[in-house]
Amino acid sequence: MVLFKISLIGVLFASISFCSYQTHTLNLLISLEAVMLCLLLFSFSISTMFGMSSHLFLVLLTFAACEAALGLSLLVSMLRLRGNDLVTALSSLSFFAQNTTNKSCWKFAKSS
């Protein structure tokens, strides 16, 4: 029962941190991982409390792993393309527009 209460409090605090720290993409990804960790803890506590099998736990664990891999790959792609991880740089209209800050890590050779 204590594990159940801890997981619910963890989901609450992780959701609050997700809503309040929306400046950088890395902060959002860490908050999402905290939410997934608390949901894993919640599903584990429910399955042990009622004596059920842990299939839901394994499904949530695979979703958490896929979410982490996809989030980190998008973060690296955005850092290479834009040079920062600000959420304001994720506008769908200007995501693939040309970089105007010249702080990108891509170096192109000038053709003569």
PDB file of N, CA and C in Angstrom:
ATOM      1  N   MET A   1       0.818  -1.194   0.000  1.00  0.00           N
ATOM      2  CA  MET A   1       0.000   0.000   0.000  1.00  0.00           C
ATOM      3  C   MET A   1       0.865   1.263   0.000  1.00  0.00           C
ATOM      4  N   VAL A   2       2.011   1.190   0.664  1.00  0.00           N
ATOM      5  CA  VAL A   2       2.918   2.339   0.706  1.00  0.00           C
ATOM      6  C   VAL A   2       3.500   2.599  -0.683  1.00  0.00           C
ATOM      7  N   LEU A   3       3.823   1.523  -1.404  1.00  0.00           N
ATOM      8  CA  LEU A   3       4.362   1.655  -2.756  1.00  0.00           C
ATOM      9  C   LEU A   3       3.342   2.309  -3.686  1.00  0.00           C
ATOM     10  N   PHE A   4       2.090   1.986  -3.494  1.00  0.00           N
ATOM     11  CA  PHE A   4       1.003   2.576  -4.277  1.00  0.00           C
ATOM     12  C   PHE A   4       0.923   4.081  -4.039  1.00  0.00           C
ATOM     13  N   LYS A   5       0.990   4.506  -2.786  1.00  0.00           N
ATOM     14  CA  LYS A   5       0.912   5.933  -2.458  1.00  0.00           C
ATOM     15  C   LYS A   5       2.132   6.693  -2.962  1.00  0.00           C
ATOM     16  N   ILE A   6       3.302   6.069  -2.849  1.00  0.00           N
ATOM     17  CA  ILE A   6       4.526   6.717  -3.334  1.00  0.00           C
ATOM     18  C   ILE A   6       4.466   6.913  -4.843  1.00  0.00           C
ATOM     19  N   SER A   7       3.946   5.922  -5.558  1.00  0.00           N
ATOM     20  CA  SER A   7       3.865   6.044  -7.013  1.00  0.00           C
ATOM     21  C   SER A   7       2.874   7.128  -7.430  1.00  0.00           C
ATOM     22  N   LEU A   8       1.766   7.256  -6.727  1.00  0.00           N
ATOM     23  CA  LEU A   8       0.808   8.315  -7.062  1.00  0.00           C
ATOM     24  C   LEU A   8       1.374   9.702  -6.776  1.00  0.00           C
ATOM     25  N   ILE A   9       2.078   9.846  -5.671  1.00  0.00           N
ATOM     26  CA  ILE A   9       2.720  11.129  -5.359  1.00  0.00           C
ATOM     27  C   ILE A   9       3.812  11.437  -6.386  1.00  0.00           C
ATOM     28  N   GLY A  10       4.538  10.409  -6.809  1.00  0.00           N
ATOM     29  CA  GLY A  10       5.571  10.595  -7.826  1.00  0.00           C
ATOM     30  C   GLY A  10       4.999  11.033  -9.158  1.00  0.00           C
ATOM     31  N   VAL A  11       3.872  10.448  -9.572  1.00  0.00           N
ATOM     32  CA  VAL A  11       3.221  10.866 -10.817  1.00  0.00           C
ATOM     33  C   VAL A  11       2.770  12.318 -10.710  1.00  0.00           C
ATOM     34  N   LEU A  12       2.254  12.706  -9.563  1.00  0.00           N
ATOM     35  CA  LEU A  12       1.811  14.087  -9.360  1.00  0.00           C
ATOM     36  C   LEU A  12       2.977  15.064  -9.475  1.00  0.00           C
ATOM     37  N   PHE A  13       4.079  14.785  -8.775  1.00  0.00           N
ATOM     38  CA  PHE A  13       5.230  15.691  -8.821  1.00  0.00           C
ATOM     39  C   PHE A  13       5.899  15.706 -10.192  1.00  0.00           C
ATOM     40  N   ALA A  14       5.965  14.552 -10.854  1.00  0.00           N
ATOM     41  CA  ALA A  14       6.567  14.505 -12.185  1.00  0.00           C
ATOM     42  C   ALA A  14       5.709  15.253 -13.195  1.00  0.00           C
ATOM     43  N   SER A  15       4.400  15.176 -13.059  1.00  0.00           N
ATOM     44  CA  SER A  15       3.513  15.923 -13.953  1.00  0.00           C
ATOM     45  C   SER A  15       3.629  17.425 -13.722  1.00  0.00           C
ATOM     46  N   ILE A  16       3.762  17.824 -12.469  1.00  0.00           N
ATOM     47  CA  ILE A  16       3.951  19.247 -12.165  1.00  0.00           C
ATOM     48  C   ILE A  16       5.275  19.745 -12.738  1.00  0.00           C
ATOM     49  N   SER A  17       6.330  18.949 -12.611  1.00  0.00           N
ATOM     50  CA  SER A  17       7.621  19.370 -13.169  1.00  0.00           C
ATOM     51  C   SER A  17       7.577  19.402 -14.687  1.00  0.00           C
ATOM     52  N   PHE A  18       6.808  18.507 -15.305  1.00  0.00           N
ATOM     53  CA  PHE A  18       6.670  18.523 -16.764  1.00  0.00           C
ATOM     54  C   PHE A  18       5.966  19.791 -17.223  1.00  0.00           C
ATOM     55  N   CYS A  19       4.973  20.224 -16.473  1.00  0.00           N
ATOM     56  CA  CYS A  19       4.232  21.428 -16.855  1.00  0.00           C
ATOM     57  C   CYS A  19       4.992  22.715 -16.544  1.00  0.00           C
ATOM     58  N   SER A  20       5.868  22.699 -15.553  1.00  0.00           N
ATOM     59  CA  SER A  20       6.524  23.944 -15.153  1.00  0.00           C
ATOM     60  C   SER A  20       7.870  24.177 -15.834  1.00  0.00           C
ATOM     61  N   TYR A  21       8.593  23.132 -16.204  1.00  0.00           N
ATOM     62  CA  TYR A  21       9.904  23.302 -16.835  1.00  0.00           C
ATOM     63  C   TYR A  21       9.791  23.056 -18.330  1.00  0.00           C
ATOM     64  N   GLN A  22       9.267  24.017 -19.052  1.00  0.00           N
ATOM     65  CA  GLN A  22       9.066  23.846 -20.486  1.00  0.00           C
ATOM     66  C   GLN A  22      10.027  24.682 -21.317  1.00  0.00           C
ATOM     67  N   THR A  23      11.187  24.980 -20.798  1.00  0.00           N
ATOM     68  CA  THR A  23      12.132  25.797 -21.546  1.00  0.00           C
ATOM     69  C   THR A  23      12.999  24.952 -22.464  1.00  0.00           C
ATOM     70  N   HIS A  24      13.586  23.906 -21.925  1.00  0.00           N
ATOM     71  CA  HIS A  24      14.504  23.065 -22.680  1.00  0.00           C
ATOM     72  C   HIS A  24      13.890  21.693 -22.928  1.00  0.00           C
ATOM     73  N   THR A  25      14.240  21.121 -24.056  1.00  0.00           N
ATOM     74  CA  THR A  25      13.717  19.808 -24.426  1.00  0.00           C
ATOM     75  C   THR A  25      14.247  18.728 -23.502  1.00  0.00           C
ATOM     76  N   LEU A  26      15.470  18.854 -23.048  1.00  0.00           N
ATOM     77  CA  LEU A  26      16.042  17.849 -22.157  1.00  0.00           C
ATOM     78  C   LEU A  26      15.281  17.789 -20.833  1.00  0.00           C
ATOM     79  N   ASN A  27      14.855  18.937 -20.312  1.00  0.00           N
ATOM     80  CA  ASN A  27      14.041  18.949 -19.088  1.00  0.00           C
ATOM     81  C   ASN A  27      12.723  18.219 -19.296  1.00  0.00           C
ATOM     82  N   LEU A  28      12.106  18.411 -20.459  1.00  0.00           N
ATOM     83  CA  LEU A  28      10.847  17.727 -20.748  1.00  0.00           C
ATOM     84  C   LEU A  28      11.047  16.222 -20.852  1.00  0.00           C
ATOM     85  N   LEU A  29      12.144  15.802 -21.466  1.00  0.00           N
ATOM     86  CA  LEU A  29      12.406  14.365 -21.596  1.00  0.00           C
ATOM     87  C   LEU A  29      12.678  13.721 -20.241  1.00  0.00           C
ATOM     88  N   ILE A  30      13.392  14.420 -19.378  1.00  0.00           N
ATOM     89  CA  ILE A  30      13.653  13.879 -18.037  1.00  0.00           C
ATOM     90  C   ILE A  30      12.357  13.796 -17.238  1.00  0.00           C
ATOM     91  N   SER A  31      11.495  14.793 -17.384  1.00  0.00           N
ATOM     92  CA  SER A  31      10.204  14.747 -16.688  1.00  0.00           C
ATOM     93  C   SER A  31       9.329  13.614 -17.210  1.00  0.00           C
ATOM     94  N   LEU A  32       9.354  13.380 -18.517  1.00  0.00           N
ATOM     95  CA  LEU A  32       8.595  12.262 -19.077  1.00  0.00           C
ATOM     96  C   LEU A  32       9.116  10.924 -18.575  1.00  0.00           C
ATOM     97  N   GLU A  33      10.425  10.811 -18.442  1.00  0.00           N
ATOM     98  CA  GLU A  33      10.990   9.570 -17.906  1.00  0.00           C
ATOM     99  C   GLU A  33      10.604   9.377 -16.441  1.00  0.00           C
ATOM    100  N   ALA A  34      10.513  10.465 -15.688  1.00  0.00           N
ATOM    101  CA  ALA A  34      10.074  10.354 -14.295  1.00  0.00           C
ATOM    102  C   ALA A  34       8.618   9.914 -14.214  1.00  0.00           C
ATOM    103  N   VAL A  35       7.782  10.426 -15.116  1.00  0.00           N
ATOM    104  CA  VAL A  35       6.383   9.993 -15.155  1.00  0.00           C
ATOM    105  C   VAL A  35       6.302   8.511 -15.490  1.00  0.00           C
ATOM    106  N   MET A  36       7.084   8.072 -16.467  1.00  0.00           N
ATOM    107  CA  MET A  36       7.059   6.653 -16.844  1.00  0.00           C
ATOM    108  C   MET A  36       7.583   5.770 -15.718  1.00  0.00           C
ATOM    109  N   LEU A  37       8.589   6.229 -14.997  1.00  0.00           N
ATOM    110  CA  LEU A  37       9.104   5.453 -13.871  1.00  0.00           C
ATOM    111  C   LEU A  37       8.051   5.312 -12.779  1.00  0.00           C
ATOM    112  N   CYS A  38       7.333   6.384 -12.502  1.00  0.00           N
ATOM    113  CA  CYS A  38       6.273   6.316 -11.487  1.00  0.00           C
ATOM    114  C   CYS A  38       5.110   5.452 -11.953  1.00  0.00           C
ATOM    115  N   LEU A  39       4.799   5.488 -13.243  1.00  0.00           N
ATOM    116  CA  LEU A  39       3.748   4.610 -13.760  1.00  0.00           C
ATOM    117  C   LEU A  39       4.170   3.146 -13.710  1.00  0.00           C
ATOM    118  N   LEU A  40       5.448   2.878 -13.941  1.00  0.00           N
ATOM    119  CA  LEU A  40       5.957   1.508 -13.787  1.00  0.00           C
ATOM    120  C   LEU A  40       5.831   1.054 -12.342  1.00  0.00           C
ATOM    121  N   LEU A  41       6.176   1.923 -11.430  1.00  0.00           N
ATOM    122  CA  LEU A  41       6.041   1.611 -10.010  1.00  0.00           C
ATOM    123  C   LEU A  41       4.578   1.392  -9.635  1.00  0.00           C
ATOM    124  N   PHE A  42       3.693   2.199 -10.207  1.00  0.00           N
ATOM    125  CA  PHE A  42       2.257   2.054  -9.961  1.00  0.00           C
ATOM    126  C   PHE A  42       1.736   0.711 -10.472  1.00  0.00           C
ATOM    127  N   SER A  43       2.109   0.346 -11.701  1.00  0.00           N
ATOM    128  CA  SER A  43       1.624  -0.927 -12.250  1.00  0.00           C
ATOM    129  C   SER A  43       2.204  -2.111 -11.495  1.00  0.00           C
ATOM    130  N   PHE A  44       3.449  -1.990 -11.036  1.00  0.00           N
ATOM    131  CA  PHE A  44       4.040  -3.067 -10.247  1.00  0.00           C
ATOM    132  C   PHE A  44       3.336  -3.210  -8.900  1.00  0.00           C
ATOM    133  N   SER A  45       3.008  -2.080  -8.272  1.00  0.00           N
ATOM    134  CA  SER A  45       2.329  -2.155  -6.973  1.00  0.00           C
ATOM    135  C   SER A  45       0.917  -2.710  -7.111  1.00  0.00           C
ATOM    136  N   ILE A  46       0.221  -2.360  -8.185  1.00  0.00           N
ATOM    137  CA  ILE A  46      -1.125  -2.898  -8.409  1.00  0.00           C
ATOM    138  C   ILE A  46      -1.061  -4.399  -8.672  1.00  0.00           C
ATOM    139  N   SER A  47      -0.086  -4.825  -9.478  1.00  0.00           N
ATOM    140  CA  SER A  47      -0.002  -6.256  -9.792  1.00  0.00           C
ATOM    141  C   SER A  47       0.388  -7.083  -8.574  1.00  0.00           C
ATOM    142  N   THR A  48       1.216  -6.546  -7.690  1.00  0.00           N
ATOM    143  CA  THR A  48       1.561  -7.300  -6.485  1.00  0.00           C
ATOM    144  C   THR A  48       0.462  -7.227  -5.435  1.00  0.00           C
ATOM    145  N   MET A  49      -0.285  -6.121  -5.408  1.00  0.00           N
ATOM    146  CA  MET A  49      -1.345  -5.977  -4.416  1.00  0.00           C
ATOM    147  C   MET A  49      -2.504  -6.942  -4.696  1.00  0.00           C
ATOM    148  N   PHE A  50      -2.837  -7.107  -5.963  1.00  0.00           N
ATOM    149  CA  PHE A  50      -3.970  -7.951  -6.316  1.00  0.00           C
ATOM    150  C   PHE A  50      -3.555  -9.330  -6.813  1.00  0.00           C
ATOM    151  N   GLY A  51      -2.274  -9.629  -6.822  1.00  0.00           N
ATOM    152  CA  GLY A  51      -1.799 -10.941  -7.232  1.00  0.00           C
ATOM    153  C   GLY A  51      -1.962 -11.216  -8.717  1.00  0.00           C
ATOM    154  N   MET A  52      -1.893 -10.173  -9.531  1.00  0.00           N
ATOM    155  CA  MET A  52      -2.042 -10.340 -10.977  1.00  0.00           C
ATOM    156  C   MET A  52      -0.674 -10.568 -11.605  1.00  0.00           C
ATOM    157  N   SER A  53      -0.685 -10.945 -12.874  1.00  0.00           N
ATOM    158  CA  SER A  53       0.580 -11.104 -13.586  1.00  0.00           C
ATOM    159  C   SER A  53       1.119  -9.725 -13.964  1.00  0.00           C
ATOM    160  N   SER A  54       2.357  -9.690 -14.337  1.00  0.00           N
ATOM    161  CA  SER A  54       3.012  -8.403 -14.583  1.00  0.00           C
ATOM    162  C   SER A  54       3.156  -8.115 -16.072  1.00  0.00           C
ATOM    163  N   HIS A  55       2.150  -8.431 -16.873  1.00  0.00           N
ATOM    164  CA  HIS A  55       2.219  -8.147 -18.300  1.00  0.00           C
ATOM    165  C   HIS A  55       2.161  -6.649 -18.581  1.00  0.00           C
ATOM    166  N   LEU A  56       1.335  -5.946 -17.849  1.00  0.00           N
ATOM    167  CA  LEU A  56       1.235  -4.498 -18.032  1.00  0.00           C
ATOM    168  C   LEU A  56       2.555  -3.815 -17.689  1.00  0.00           C
ATOM    169  N   PHE A  57       3.241  -4.324 -16.680  1.00  0.00           N
ATOM    170  CA  PHE A  57       4.546  -3.787 -16.300  1.00  0.00           C
ATOM    171  C   PHE A  57       5.539  -3.924 -17.450  1.00  0.00           C
ATOM    172  N   LEU A  58       5.551  -5.078 -18.103  1.00  0.00           N
ATOM    173  CA  LEU A  58       6.477  -5.297 -19.214  1.00  0.00           C
ATOM    174  C   LEU A  58       6.125  -4.441 -20.425  1.00  0.00           C
ATOM    175  N   VAL A  59       4.843  -4.251 -20.682  1.00  0.00           N
ATOM    176  CA  VAL A  59       4.430  -3.398 -21.797  1.00  0.00           C
ATOM    177  C   VAL A  59       4.840  -1.954 -21.534  1.00  0.00           C
ATOM    178  N   LEU A  60       4.615  -1.465 -20.322  1.00  0.00           N
ATOM    179  CA  LEU A  60       5.025  -0.098 -19.979  1.00  0.00           C
ATOM    180  C   LEU A  60       6.541   0.065 -20.012  1.00  0.00           C
ATOM    181  N   LEU A  61       7.256  -0.982 -19.631  1.00  0.00           N
ATOM    182  CA  LEU A  61       8.718  -0.930 -19.677  1.00  0.00           C
ATOM    183  C   LEU A  61       9.222  -0.819 -21.113  1.00  0.00           C
ATOM    184  N   THR A  62       8.603  -1.549 -22.041  1.00  0.00           N
ATOM    185  CA  THR A  62       9.016  -1.435 -23.442  1.00  0.00           C
ATOM    186  C   THR A  62       8.646  -0.074 -24.021  1.00  0.00           C
ATOM    187  N   PHE A  63       7.476   0.464 -23.633  1.00  0.00           N
ATOM    188  CA  PHE A  63       7.116   1.806 -24.088  1.00  0.00           C
ATOM    189  C   PHE A  63       8.078   2.856 -23.542  1.00  0.00           C
ATOM    190  N   ALA A  64       8.516   2.697 -22.313  1.00  0.00           N
ATOM    191  CA  ALA A  64       9.461   3.650 -21.722  1.00  0.00           C
ATOM    192  C   ALA A  64      10.803   3.596 -22.444  1.00  0.00           C
ATOM    193  N   ALA A  65      11.239   2.394 -22.804  1.00  0.00           N
ATOM    194  CA  ALA A  65      12.511   2.266 -23.525  1.00  0.00           C
ATOM    195  C   ALA A  65      12.408   2.874 -24.918  1.00  0.00           C
ATOM    196  N   CYS A  66      11.294   2.637 -25.598  1.00  0.00           N
ATOM    197  CA  CYS A  66      11.100   3.223 -26.928  1.00  0.00           C
ATOM    198  C   CYS A  66      10.991   4.742 -26.854  1.00  0.00           C
ATOM    199  N   GLU A  67      10.317   5.235 -25.832  1.00  0.00           N
ATOM    200  CA  GLU A  67      10.179   6.681 -25.660  1.00  0.00           C
ATOM    201  C   GLU A  67      11.530   7.339 -25.403  1.00  0.00           C
ATOM    202  N   ALA A  68      12.349   6.697 -24.600  1.00  0.00           N
ATOM    203  CA  ALA A  68      13.667   7.257 -24.297  1.00  0.00           C
ATOM    204  C   ALA A  68      14.549   7.275 -25.540  1.00  0.00           C
ATOM    205  N   ALA A  69      14.532   6.199 -26.307  1.00  0.00           N
ATOM    206  CA  ALA A  69      15.356   6.148 -27.515  1.00  0.00           C
ATOM    207  C   ALA A  69      14.895   7.166 -28.547  1.00  0.00           C
ATOM    208  N   LEU A  70      13.599   7.267 -28.747  1.00  0.00           N
ATOM    209  CA  LEU A  70      13.069   8.224 -29.713  1.00  0.00           C
ATOM    210  C   LEU A  70      13.308   9.662 -29.265  1.00  0.00           C
ATOM    211  N   GLY A  71      13.123   9.930 -27.989  1.00  0.00           N
ATOM    212  CA  GLY A  71      13.348  11.281 -27.478  1.00  0.00           C
ATOM    213  C   GLY A  71      14.792  11.720 -27.589  1.00  0.00           C
ATOM    214  N   LEU A  72      15.714  10.817 -27.263  1.00  0.00           N
ATOM    215  CA  LEU A  72      17.130  11.180 -27.369  1.00  0.00           C
ATOM    216  C   LEU A  72      17.566  11.347 -28.817  1.00  0.00           C
ATOM    217  N   SER A  73      17.034  10.524 -29.720  1.00  0.00           N
ATOM    218  CA  SER A  73      17.403  10.688 -31.127  1.00  0.00           C
ATOM    219  C   SER A  73      16.855  11.997 -31.688  1.00  0.00           C
ATOM    220  N   LEU A  74      15.645  12.368 -31.296  1.00  0.00           N
ATOM    221  CA  LEU A  74      15.110  13.660 -31.732  1.00  0.00           C
ATOM    222  C   LEU A  74      15.875  14.829 -31.121  1.00  0.00           C
ATOM    223  N   LEU A  75      16.326  14.670 -29.882  1.00  0.00           N
ATOM    224  CA  LEU A  75      17.105  15.724 -29.233  1.00  0.00           C
ATOM    225  C   LEU A  75      18.444  15.921 -29.936  1.00  0.00           C
ATOM    226  N   VAL A  76      19.120  14.831 -30.274  1.00  0.00           N
ATOM    227  CA  VAL A  76      20.400  14.933 -30.980  1.00  0.00           C
ATOM    228  C   VAL A  76      20.194  15.535 -32.362  1.00  0.00           C
ATOM    229  N   SER A  77      19.134  15.129 -33.046  1.00  0.00           N
ATOM    230  CA  SER A  77      18.839  15.693 -34.361  1.00  0.00           C
ATOM    231  C   SER A  77      18.559  17.188 -34.272  1.00  0.00           C
ATOM    232  N   MET A  78      17.808  17.588 -33.269  1.00  0.00           N
ATOM    233  CA  MET A  78      17.500  19.005 -33.103  1.00  0.00           C
ATOM    234  C   MET A  78      18.747  19.804 -32.730  1.00  0.00           C
ATOM    235  N   LEU A  79      19.609  19.227 -31.896  1.00  0.00           N
ATOM    236  CA  LEU A  79      20.841  19.928 -31.531  1.00  0.00           C
ATOM    237  C   LEU A  79      21.755  20.099 -32.734  1.00  0.00           C
ATOM    238  N   ARG A  80      21.805  19.103 -33.591  1.00  0.00           N
ATOM    239  CA  ARG A  80      22.646  19.232 -34.787  1.00  0.00           C
ATOM    240  C   ARG A  80      22.062  20.210 -35.788  1.00  0.00           C
ATOM    241  N   LEU A  81      20.751  20.233 -35.874  1.00  0.00           N
ATOM    242  CA  LEU A  81      20.110  21.097 -36.855  1.00  0.00           C
ATOM    243  C   LEU A  81      20.036  22.541 -36.387  1.00  0.00           C
ATOM    244  N   ARG A  82      19.665  22.751 -35.131  1.00  0.00           N
ATOM    245  CA  ARG A  82      19.443  24.093 -34.607  1.00  0.00           C
ATOM    246  C   ARG A  82      20.583  24.640 -33.767  1.00  0.00           C
ATOM    247  N   GLY A  83      21.273  23.783 -33.044  1.00  0.00           N
ATOM    248  CA  GLY A  83      22.342  24.253 -32.179  1.00  0.00           C
ATOM    249  C   GLY A  83      21.902  24.504 -30.752  1.00  0.00           C
ATOM    250  N   ASN A  84      20.619  24.348 -30.443  1.00  0.00           N
ATOM    251  CA  ASN A  84      20.125  24.498 -29.073  1.00  0.00           C
ATOM    252  C   ASN A  84      18.980  23.517 -28.858  1.00  0.00           C
ATOM    253  N   ASP A  85      18.569  23.391 -27.598  1.00  0.00           N
ATOM    254  CA  ASP A  85      17.470  22.473 -27.291  1.00  0.00           C
ATOM    255  C   ASP A  85      16.261  23.205 -26.725  1.00  0.00           C
ATOM    256  N   LEU A  86      16.078  24.436 -27.131  1.00  0.00           N
ATOM    257  CA  LEU A  86      14.939  25.211 -26.655  1.00  0.00           C
ATOM    258  C   LEU A  86      13.651  24.715 -27.305  1.00  0.00           C
ATOM    259  N   VAL A  87      12.592  24.713 -26.536  1.00  0.00           N
ATOM    260  CA  VAL A  87      11.302  24.245 -27.039  1.00  0.00           C
ATOM    261  C   VAL A  87      10.750  25.220 -28.071  1.00  0.00           C
ATOM    262  N   THR A  88      11.106  26.480 -27.965  1.00  0.00           N
ATOM    263  CA  THR A  88      10.615  27.466 -28.931  1.00  0.00           C
ATOM    264  C   THR A  88      11.188  27.231 -30.323  1.00  0.00           C
ATOM    265  N   ALA A  89      12.295  26.492 -30.419  1.00  0.00           N
ATOM    266  CA  ALA A  89      12.872  26.179 -31.725  1.00  0.00           C
ATOM    267  C   ALA A  89      12.146  25.031 -32.402  1.00  0.00           C
ATOM    268  N   LEU A  90      11.153  24.457 -31.741  1.00  0.00           N
ATOM    269  CA  LEU A  90      10.428  23.316 -32.295  1.00  0.00           C
ATOM    270  C   LEU A  90       9.186  23.710 -33.073  1.00  0.00           C
ATOM    271  N   SER A  91       9.070  24.944 -33.468  1.00  0.00           N
ATOM    272  CA  SER A  91       7.915  25.359 -34.250  1.00  0.00           C
ATOM    273  C   SER A  91       7.881  24.567 -35.546  1.00  0.00           C
ATOM    274  N   SER A  92       6.744  24.030 -35.878  1.00  0.00           N
ATOM    275  CA  SER A  92       6.645  23.171 -37.062  1.00  0.00           C
ATOM    276  C   SER A  92       6.858  23.952 -38.351  1.00  0.00           C
ATOM    277  N   LEU A  93       6.636  25.250 -38.326  1.00  0.00           N
ATOM    278  CA  LEU A  93       6.817  26.042 -39.531  1.00  0.00           C
ATOM    279  C   LEU A  93       8.278  26.342 -39.812  1.00  0.00           C
ATOM    280  N   SER A  94       9.092  26.456 -38.776  1.00  0.00           N
ATOM    281  CA  SER A  94      10.482  26.855 -38.988  1.00  0.00           C
ATOM    282  C   SER A  94      11.482  25.781 -38.584  1.00  0.00           C
ATOM    283  N   PHE A  95      11.038  24.531 -38.422  1.00  0.00           N
ATOM    284  CA  PHE A  95      11.966  23.508 -37.940  1.00  0.00           C
ATOM    285  C   PHE A  95      13.023  23.177 -38.987  1.00  0.00           C
ATOM    286  N   PHE A  96      12.620  23.067 -40.252  1.00  0.00           N
ATOM    287  CA  PHE A  96      13.568  22.716 -41.294  1.00  0.00           C
ATOM    288  C   PHE A  96      14.026  23.926 -42.093  1.00  0.00           C
ATOM    289  N   ALA A  97      13.753  25.117 -41.583  1.00  0.00           N
ATOM    290  CA  ALA A  97      14.217  26.324 -42.256  1.00  0.00           C
ATOM    291  C   ALA A  97      15.719  26.461 -42.078  1.00  0.00           C
ATOM    292  N   GLN A  98      16.315  27.300 -42.877  1.00  0.00           N
ATOM    293  CA  GLN A  98      17.763  27.468 -42.829  1.00  0.00           C
ATOM    294  C   GLN A  98      18.178  28.107 -41.509  1.00  0.00           C
ATOM    295  N   ASN A  99      19.269  27.622 -40.956  1.00  0.00           N
ATOM    296  CA  ASN A  99      19.786  28.133 -39.690  1.00  0.00           C
ATOM    297  C   ASN A  99      20.398  29.511 -39.922  1.00  0.00           C
ATOM    298  N   THR A 100      19.951  30.499 -39.172  1.00  0.00           N
ATOM    299  CA  THR A 100      20.456  31.862 -39.347  1.00  0.00           C
ATOM    300  C   THR A 100      21.482  32.246 -38.295  1.00  0.00           C
ATOM    301  N   THR A 101      21.736  31.385 -37.315  1.00  0.00           N
ATOM    302  CA  THR A 101      22.652  31.750 -36.242  1.00  0.00           C
ATOM    303  C   THR A 101      24.087  31.336 -36.519  1.00  0.00           C
ATOM    304  N   ASN A 102      24.326  30.510 -37.516  1.00  0.00           N
ATOM    305  CA  ASN A 102      25.656  29.989 -37.860  1.00  0.00           C
ATOM    306  C   ASN A 102      26.309  29.274 -36.689  1.00  0.00           C
ATOM    307  N   LYS A 103      25.521  28.700 -35.785  1.00  0.00           N
ATOM    308  CA  LYS A 103      26.061  27.950 -34.661  1.00  0.00           C
ATOM    309  C   LYS A 103      25.802  26.456 -34.823  1.00  0.00           C
ATOM    310  N   SER A 104      25.480  26.046 -36.018  1.00  0.00           N
ATOM    311  CA  SER A 104      25.218  24.638 -36.262  1.00  0.00           C
ATOM    312  C   SER A 104      26.535  23.876 -36.299  1.00  0.00           C
ATOM    313  N   CYS A 105      26.492  22.618 -35.934  1.00  0.00           N
ATOM    314  CA  CYS A 105      27.716  21.830 -35.928  1.00  0.00           C
ATOM    315  C   CYS A 105      28.020  21.248 -37.304  1.00  0.00           C
ATOM    316  N   TRP A 106      27.138  21.450 -38.274  1.00  0.00           N
ATOM    317  CA  TRP A 106      27.390  20.950 -39.617  1.00  0.00           C
ATOM    318  C   TRP A 106      28.329  21.906 -40.343  1.00  0.00           C
ATOM    319  N   LYS A 107      29.362  21.369 -40.930  1.00  0.00           N
ATOM    320  CA  LYS A 107      30.322  22.174 -41.685  1.00  0.00           C
ATOM    321  C   LYS A 107      30.246  21.753 -43.151  1.00  0.00           C
ATOM    322  N   PHE A 108      29.910  22.681 -44.016  1.00  0.00           N
ATOM    323  CA  PHE A 108      29.805  22.391 -45.434  1.00  0.00           C
ATOM    324  C   PHE A 108      30.966  23.057 -46.165  1.00  0.00           C
ATOM    325  N   ALA A 109      31.522  22.321 -47.109  1.00  0.00           N
ATOM    326  CA  ALA A 109      32.617  22.869 -47.910  1.00  0.00           C
ATOM    327  C   ALA A 109      32.027  23.777 -48.983  1.00  0.00           C
ATOM    328  N   LYS A 110      32.677  24.906 -49.199  1.00  0.00           N
ATOM    329  CA  LYS A 110      32.206  25.833 -50.221  1.00  0.00           C
ATOM    330  C   LYS A 110      32.624  25.319 -51.589  1.00  0.00           C
ATOM    331  N   SER A 111      31.666  25.293 -52.494  1.00  0.00           N
ATOM    332  CA  SER A 111      31.984  24.846 -53.858  1.00  0.00           C
ATOM    333  C   SER A 111      32.409  26.059 -54.675  1.00  0.00           C
ATOM    334  N   SER A 112      33.449  25.867 -55.470  1.00  0.00           N
ATOM    335  CA  SER A 112      33.945  27.004 -56.247  1.00  0.00           C
ATOM    336  C   SER A 112      33.575  26.912 -57.701  1.00  0.00           C
TER     337      SER A 112
END
